[in-house]
C-alpha atoms as a PDB file:
ATOM      1  CA  MET A   1      54.761 110.610  98.966  1.00  0.00           C
ATOM      2  CA  GLN A   2      53.817 113.487 100.974  1.00  0.00           C
ATOM      3  CA  THR A   3      55.279 115.667 104.276  1.00  0.00           C
ATOM      4  CA  ILE A   4      55.187 114.265 107.615  1.00  0.00           C
ATOM      5  CA  LEU A   5      53.534 117.254 108.826  1.00  0.00           C
ATOM      6  CA  GLU A   6      50.633 117.089 106.981  1.00  0.00           C
ATOM      7  CA  GLY A   7      47.362 118.080 108.662  1.00  0.00           C
ATOM      8  CA  GLU A   8      49.434 120.257 111.219  1.00  0.00           C
ATOM      9  CA  MET A   9      49.275 123.070 109.042  1.00  0.00           C
ATOM     10  CA  ALA A  10      47.748 124.964 106.014  1.00  0.00           C
ATOM     11  CA  CYS A  11      50.798 125.519 104.022  1.00  0.00           C
ATOM     12  CA  PHE A  12      54.372 125.313 105.042  1.00  0.00           C
ATOM     13  CA  ARG A  13      57.157 125.901 102.571  1.00  0.00           C
ATOM     14  CA  LEU A  14      60.325 123.800 101.670  1.00  0.00           C
ATOM     15  CA  LEU A  15      62.841 124.269  99.530  1.00  0.00           C
ATOM     16  CA  LEU A  16      65.181 121.371  99.220  1.00  0.00           C
ATOM     17  CA  CYS A  17      68.305 121.021  96.770  1.00  0.00           C
ATOM     18  CA  SER A  18      71.817 119.720  96.481  1.00  0.00           C
ATOM     19  CA  THR A  19      73.181 123.554  96.344  1.00  0.00           C
ATOM     20  CA  PHE A  20      71.803 126.803  95.732  1.00  0.00           C
ATOM     21  CA  ALA A  21      74.680 127.877  93.363  1.00  0.00           C
ATOM     22  CA  GLY A  22      73.551 125.459  90.837  1.00  0.00           C
ATOM     23  CA  LEU A  23      69.971 126.006  91.372  1.00  0.00           C
ATOM     24  CA  GLY A  24      70.116 129.862  90.704  1.00  0.00           C
ATOM     25  CA  ASP A  25      67.300 131.836  89.262  1.00  0.00           C
ATOM     26  CA  ARG A  26      65.171 128.910  89.658  1.00  0.00           C
ATOM     27  CA  ILE A  27      64.827 130.024  93.415  1.00  0.00           C
ATOM     28  CA  ASP A  28      62.367 132.463  91.824  1.00  0.00           C
ATOM     29  CA  ALA A  29      60.191 130.010  90.531  1.00  0.00           C
ATOM     30  CA  ALA A  30      59.138 129.024  94.095  1.00  0.00           C
ATOM     31  CA  THR A  31      57.391 131.907  94.312  1.00  0.00           C
ATOM     32  CA  GLY A  32      55.480 131.174  97.785  1.00  0.00           C
ATOM     33  CA  LEU A  33      59.024 131.910  99.079  1.00  0.00           C
ATOM     34  CA  SER A  34      59.011 135.468  98.182  1.00  0.00           C
ATOM     35  CA  LEU A  35      62.542 136.064  99.526  1.00  0.00           C
ATOM     36  CA  GLU A  36      62.842 139.750  98.271  1.00  0.00           C
ATOM     37  CA  THR A  37      60.670 140.501 101.454  1.00  0.00           C
ATOM     38  CA  SER A  38      61.617 138.075 103.940  1.00  0.00           C
ATOM     39  CA  SER A  39      64.349 137.865 106.410  1.00  0.00           C
ATOM     40  CA  VAL A  40      66.568 134.799 106.557  1.00  0.00           C
ATOM     41  CA  LEU A  41      68.630 132.907 108.930  1.00  0.00           C
ATOM     42  CA  CYS A  42      71.338 130.969 107.320  1.00  0.00           C
ATOM     43  CA  ILE A  43      72.638 127.898 109.814  1.00  0.00           C
ATOM     44  CA  PRO A  44      76.266 127.390 108.305  1.00  0.00           C
ATOM     45  CA  THR A  45      77.103 124.762 111.177  1.00  0.00           C
ATOM     46  CA  ALA A  46      77.572 121.831 108.924  1.00  0.00           C
ATOM     47  CA  ALA A  47      80.129 123.707 106.546  1.00  0.00           C
ATOM     48  CA  TYR A  48      82.261 124.572 109.188  1.00  0.00           C
ATOM     49  CA  ALA A  49      82.322 120.910 110.312  1.00  0.00           C
ATOM     50  CA  GLU A  50      84.528 120.616 106.902  1.00  0.00           C
ATOM     51  CA  ASP A  51      88.238 120.994 106.892  1.00  0.00           C
ATOM     52  CA  ASN A  52      87.764 123.326 104.166  1.00  0.00           C
ATOM     53  CA  HIS A  53      84.245 125.301 103.315  1.00  0.00           C
ATOM     54  CA  ASP A  54      85.753 127.909 100.906  1.00  0.00           C
ATOM     55  CA  TRP A  55      82.520 126.702  98.784  1.00  0.00           C
ATOM     56  CA  LEU A  56      80.375 128.143 101.217  1.00  0.00           C
ATOM     57  CA  LYS A  57      80.123 131.894 100.068  1.00  0.00           C
ATOM     58  CA  GLU A  58      78.991 130.568  96.494  1.00  0.00           C
ATOM     59  CA  GLU A  59      76.417 128.277  98.003  1.00  0.00           C
ATOM     60  CA  ILE A  60      74.672 130.886 100.204  1.00  0.00           C
ATOM     61  CA  ALA A  61      74.903 133.603  97.363  1.00  0.00           C
ATOM     62  CA  PRO A  62      72.090 133.289  95.525  1.00  0.00           C
ATOM     63  CA  VAL A  63      69.981 133.307  98.794  1.00  0.00           C
ATOM     64  CA  ARG A  64      71.607 136.048 100.489  1.00  0.00           C
ATOM     65  CA  ASN A  65      71.248 138.144  97.313  1.00  0.00           C
ATOM     66  CA  ARG A  66      67.579 137.846  97.207  1.00  0.00           C
ATOM     67  CA  ALA A  67      66.904 137.961 100.704  1.00  0.00           C
ATOM     68  CA  CYS A  68      65.394 141.295 102.429  1.00  0.00           C
ATOM     69  CA  SER A  69      68.000 140.603 104.966  1.00  0.00           C
ATOM     70  CA  PHE A  70      70.196 137.799 105.739  1.00  0.00           C
ATOM     71  CA  ILE A  71      71.854 136.649 109.202  1.00  0.00           C
ATOM     72  CA  GLU A  72      74.309 134.157 109.694  1.00  0.00           C
ATOM     73  CA  PHE A  73      74.034 132.028 112.980  1.00  0.00           C
ATOM     74  CA  ASP A  74      76.164 128.894 113.635  1.00  0.00           C
ATOM     75  CA  ILE A  75      74.101 126.504 116.286  1.00  0.00           C
ATOM     76  CA  ALA A  76      77.380 124.649 117.521  1.00  0.00           C
ATOM     77  CA  GLY A  77      77.151 125.361 121.275  1.00  0.00           C
ATOM     78  CA  LYS A  78      74.383 127.524 121.292  1.00  0.00           C
ATOM     79  CA  SER A  79      71.087 126.598 123.971  1.00  0.00           C
ATOM     80  CA  PHE A  80      67.741 126.022 123.056  1.00  0.00           C
ATOM     81  CA  GLU A  81      66.638 129.666 124.186  1.00  0.00           C
ATOM     82  CA  GLU A  82      69.393 130.923 121.745  1.00  0.00           C
ATOM     83  CA  VAL A  83      68.333 129.201 118.973  1.00  0.00           C
ATOM     84  CA  LEU A  84      64.774 129.961 119.376  1.00  0.00           C
ATOM     85  CA  ARG A  85      65.154 133.598 119.836  1.00  0.00           C
ATOM     86  CA  ALA A  86      67.210 133.403 116.250  1.00  0.00           C
ATOM     87  CA  VAL A  87      64.722 131.580 114.667  1.00  0.00           C
ATOM     88  CA  GLU A  88      61.462 133.552 115.936  1.00  0.00           C
ATOM     89  CA  GLY A  89      63.105 136.528 114.481  1.00  0.00           C
ATOM     90  CA  VAL A  90      62.991 135.644 110.660  1.00  0.00           C
ATOM     91  CA  ASP A  91      60.679 134.506 108.131  1.00  0.00           C
ATOM     92  CA  ALA A  92      62.942 131.665 106.491  1.00  0.00           C
ATOM     93  CA  VAL A  93      65.641 129.269 107.971  1.00  0.00           C
ATOM     94  CA  PHE A  94      68.398 128.175 105.613  1.00  0.00           C
ATOM     95  CA  VAL A  95      70.470 125.006 106.374  1.00  0.00           C
ATOM     96  CA  THR A  96      73.757 124.780 104.236  1.00  0.00           C
ATOM     97  CA  GLY A  97      75.624 121.677 103.168  1.00  0.00           C
ATOM     98  CA  GLY A  98      78.446 120.055 105.120  1.00  0.00           C
ATOM     99  CA  ASN A  99      78.951 117.184 107.190  1.00  0.00           C
ATOM    100  CA  THR A 100      75.428 115.879 107.935  1.00  0.00           C
ATOM    101  CA  TYR A 101      76.154 113.932 110.913  1.00  0.00           C
ATOM    102  CA  VAL A 102      77.824 116.843 112.961  1.00  0.00           C
ATOM    103  CA  LEU A 103      74.630 119.133 112.039  1.00  0.00           C
ATOM    104  CA  LEU A 104      72.349 116.846 113.463  1.00  0.00           C
ATOM    105  CA  GLU A 105      74.257 116.245 116.780  1.00  0.00           C
ATOM    106  CA  MET A 106      74.293 120.224 116.897  1.00  0.00           C
ATOM    107  CA  MET A 107      70.627 120.225 116.143  1.00  0.00           C
ATOM    108  CA  GLN A 108      69.949 117.495 118.718  1.00  0.00           C
ATOM    109  CA  LYS A 109      71.650 119.370 121.421  1.00  0.00           C
ATOM    110  CA  CYS A 110      69.636 122.483 120.994  1.00  0.00           C
ATOM    111  CA  ARG A 111      66.359 120.815 119.997  1.00  0.00           C
ATOM    112  CA  PHE A 112      66.306 122.262 116.654  1.00  0.00           C
ATOM    113  CA  GLY A 113      63.514 120.185 115.368  1.00  0.00           C
ATOM    114  CA  GLU A 114      61.055 121.512 117.841  1.00  0.00           C
ATOM    115  CA  ILE A 115      61.865 125.122 116.903  1.00  0.00           C
ATOM    116  CA  ILE A 116      61.485 124.362 113.203  1.00  0.00           C
ATOM    117  CA  ARG A 117      58.274 122.641 113.339  1.00  0.00           C
ATOM    118  CA  GLU A 118      56.957 125.642 115.280  1.00  0.00           C
ATOM    119  CA  LYS A 119      58.310 127.995 112.925  1.00  0.00           C
ATOM    120  CA  LEU A 120      56.863 126.317 110.054  1.00  0.00           C
ATOM    121  CA  SER A 121      53.337 125.932 111.611  1.00  0.00           C
ATOM    122  CA  VAL A 122      52.947 129.689 111.782  1.00  0.00           C
ATOM    123  CA  GLY A 123      53.798 130.193 108.151  1.00  0.00           C
ATOM    124  CA  GLY A 124      57.674 129.855 108.283  1.00  0.00           C
ATOM    125  CA  SER A 125      60.214 128.737 105.111  1.00  0.00           C
ATOM    126  CA  TYR A 126      62.594 126.017 105.440  1.00  0.00           C
ATOM    127  CA  LEU A 127      65.362 126.039 102.921  1.00  0.00           C
ATOM    128  CA  GLY A 128      67.804 123.077 102.902  1.00  0.00           C
ATOM    129  CA  CYS A 129      70.661 122.396 100.610  1.00  0.00           C
ATOM    130  CA  SER A 130      72.994 119.105 100.856  1.00  0.00           C
ATOM    131  CA  ALA A 131      73.325 118.338 104.468  1.00  0.00           C
ATOM    132  CA  GLY A 132      70.440 120.801 104.863  1.00  0.00           C
ATOM    133  CA  ALA A 133      67.747 118.445 102.355  1.00  0.00           C
ATOM    134  CA  ILE A 134      69.129 115.345 103.975  1.00  0.00           C
ATOM    135  CA  LEU A 135      68.023 116.451 107.454  1.00  0.00           C
ATOM    136  CA  ALA A 136      64.793 116.967 106.343  1.00  0.00           C
ATOM    137  CA  CYS A 137      64.198 113.639 105.580  1.00  0.00           C
ATOM    138  CA  PRO A 138      63.157 110.756 108.151  1.00  0.00           C
ATOM    139  CA  ARG A 139      66.747 109.612 108.546  1.00  0.00           C
ATOM    140  CA  ILE A 140      70.241 110.376 107.590  1.00  0.00           C
ATOM    141  CA  ASP A 141      72.262 107.686 107.996  1.00  0.00           C
ATOM    142  CA  TYR A 142      71.273 106.372 104.729  1.00  0.00           C
ATOM    143  CA  ILE A 143      73.901 108.347 102.964  1.00  0.00           C
ATOM    144  CA  GLY A 144      76.720 106.033 104.710  1.00  0.00           C
ATOM    145  CA  ASP A 145      80.115 107.084 104.699  1.00  0.00           C
ATOM    146  CA  MET A 146      79.805 110.029 101.956  1.00  0.00           C
ATOM    147  CA  ASP A 147      79.964 111.869 104.742  1.00  0.00           C
ATOM    148  CA  ASP A 148      82.147 111.376 107.932  1.00  0.00           C
ATOM    149  CA  PRO A 149      80.281 109.860 110.365  1.00  0.00           C
ATOM    150  CA  GLY A 150      83.566 110.151 112.699  1.00  0.00           C
ATOM    151  CA  LYS A 151      83.564 113.805 113.176  1.00  0.00           C
ATOM    152  CA  ALA A 152      80.114 113.277 115.292  1.00  0.00           C
ATOM    153  CA  ASN A 153      79.161 111.576 118.588  1.00  0.00           C
ATOM    154  CA  LEU A 154      75.251 109.962 117.331  1.00  0.00           C
ATOM    155  CA  SER A 155      73.296 107.252 118.696  1.00  0.00           C
ATOM    156  CA  ASP A 156      70.151 108.587 116.896  1.00  0.00           C
ATOM    157  CA  PHE A 157      70.297 109.170 113.242  1.00  0.00           C
ATOM    158  CA  SER A 158      66.540 110.301 113.020  1.00  0.00           C
ATOM    159  CA  GLY A 159      66.221 113.465 110.880  1.00  0.00           C
ATOM    160  CA  LEU A 160      63.619 116.117 110.886  1.00  0.00           C
ATOM    161  CA  GLY A 161      61.048 114.541 109.515  1.00  0.00           C
ATOM    162  CA  LEU A 162      59.860 117.332 107.388  1.00  0.00           C
ATOM    163  CA  VAL A 163      59.086 114.897 104.546  1.00  0.00           C
ATOM    164  CA  ASP A 164      58.373 111.222 104.497  1.00  0.00           C
ATOM    165  CA  PHE A 165      61.144 110.139 101.675  1.00  0.00           C
ATOM    166  CA  LEU A 166      64.713 110.186 101.337  1.00  0.00           C
ATOM    167  CA  ILE A 167      66.610 112.861  99.432  1.00  0.00           C
ATOM    168  CA  MET A 168      69.727 112.137  97.444  1.00  0.00           C
ATOM    169  CA  PRO A 169      71.637 115.486  96.858  1.00  0.00           C
ATOM    170  CA  HIS A 170      74.128 116.110  94.054  1.00  0.00           C
ATOM    171  CA  SER A 171      73.224 112.953  92.024  1.00  0.00           C
ATOM    172  CA  ASP A 172      75.149 113.951  88.844  1.00  0.00           C
ATOM    173  CA  ASP A 173      78.208 115.172  90.973  1.00  0.00           C
ATOM    174  CA  ALA A 174      81.338 113.032  89.701  1.00  0.00           C
ATOM    175  CA  ARG A 175      83.084 113.378  92.888  1.00  0.00           C
ATOM    176  CA  TYR A 176      80.841 110.815  94.861  1.00  0.00           C
ATOM    177  CA  GLY A 177      80.854 108.466  91.890  1.00  0.00           C
ATOM    178  CA  PRO A 178      80.379 104.590  92.480  1.00  0.00           C
ATOM    179  CA  LYS A 179      79.514 105.346  96.357  1.00  0.00           C
ATOM    180  CA  ARG A 180      76.538 107.435  95.422  1.00  0.00           C
ATOM    181  CA  LYS A 181      75.599 104.862  92.840  1.00  0.00           C
ATOM    182  CA  GLU A 182      75.645 102.049  95.292  1.00  0.00           C
ATOM    183  CA  ARG A 183      73.733 103.840  97.912  1.00  0.00           C
ATOM    184  CA  ILE A 184      71.240 104.706  95.329  1.00  0.00           C
ATOM    185  CA  ARG A 185      70.988 100.989  94.235  1.00  0.00           C
ATOM    186  CA  MET A 186      70.757  99.669  97.842  1.00  0.00           C
ATOM    187  CA  LEU A 187      67.685 102.176  98.457  1.00  0.00           C
ATOM    188  CA  GLN A 188      66.149 101.597  95.523  1.00  0.00           C
ATOM    189  CA  SER A 189      65.794  97.927  96.430  1.00  0.00           C
ATOM    190  CA  GLY A 190      63.915  98.343  99.608  1.00  0.00           C
ATOM    191  CA  SER A 191      60.636  99.756 100.588  1.00  0.00           C
ATOM    192  CA  GLU A 192      61.768 103.453 101.019  1.00  0.00           C
ATOM    193  CA  ILE A 193      61.225 106.207  98.339  1.00  0.00           C
ATOM    194  CA  ILE A 194      64.343 107.830  97.027  1.00  0.00           C
ATOM    195  CA  VAL A 195      64.221 111.440  95.475  1.00  0.00           C
ATOM    196  CA  SER A 196      67.600 112.127  93.599  1.00  0.00           C
ATOM    197  CA  LEU A 197      68.393 115.697  92.624  1.00  0.00           C
ATOM    198  CA  ARG A 198      70.652 116.791  90.332  1.00  0.00           C
ATOM    199  CA  ASP A 199      73.378 119.950  91.550  1.00  0.00           C
ATOM    200  CA  ASP A 200      70.637 122.272  88.894  1.00  0.00           C
ATOM    201  CA  GLN A 201      67.359 120.932  90.477  1.00  0.00           C
ATOM    202  CA  GLY A 202      65.526 121.905  93.602  1.00  0.00           C
ATOM    203  CA  LEU A 203      62.371 120.532  95.264  1.00  0.00           C
ATOM    204  CA  TYR A 204      59.704 122.994  96.665  1.00  0.00           C
ATOM    205  CA  VAL A 205      57.198 121.736  98.640  1.00  0.00           C
ATOM    206  CA  CYS A 206      54.207 123.960  99.770  1.00  0.00           C
ATOM    207  CA  GLY A 207      51.735 121.840 102.160  1.00  0.00           C
ATOM    208  CA  ASN A 208      50.946 118.756  99.973  1.00  0.00           C
ATOM    209  CA  SER A 209      52.096 120.009  96.768  1.00  0.00           C
ATOM    210  CA  MET A 210      55.550 119.271  95.303  1.00  0.00           C
ATOM    211  CA  GLU A 211      57.302 120.481  92.175  1.00  0.00           C
ATOM    212  CA  VAL A 212      60.747 119.802  90.996  1.00  0.00           C
ATOM    213  CA  LEU A 213      62.470 122.692  89.606  1.00  0.00           C
ATOM    214  CA  SER A 214      64.687 122.034  87.141  1.00  0.00           C
END
């Protein structure tokens, strides 16, 4: 496994997980992030696409409480220039969970992929949980109907491609039950690499170095 950004930068940082509420103090093990001295831009767009996102406050709390400054910024309806200005002004970008398909559609419209690659190339960090972690992969449609694709209008399911493997968050979450097991079984039978993360695990990436925090 490697990152698709190999060779573009000396050491970019990604922290991908199922939920930061489950990761808790293990965030601090990713010392390269130094959240206590970092400004963080939180993108809750995927959560806002859900009918109920009462869980969002708990999910973002571990990052909000550690960050030097924390700004929420919904990219839905925002232009490339607006998103670029917002991202340029922070050290890290945090993309929350929610509907992955809606998140990808909104990111395609504002060309978020270009913006985050530029941010990473100058030493920025990307934090993604659930939908935000899936978005870092080469494609998102491997999750099937675990999210509602009907909420978005997509013809291209390419993710950000920050890593060259697929991430399956919430691998121990009973709510998804047989659906998740079947998706994992199908993926494992193919040629792609799938990394499953429990709700108390995270994947920290720094350059070509990777570590599972658990």
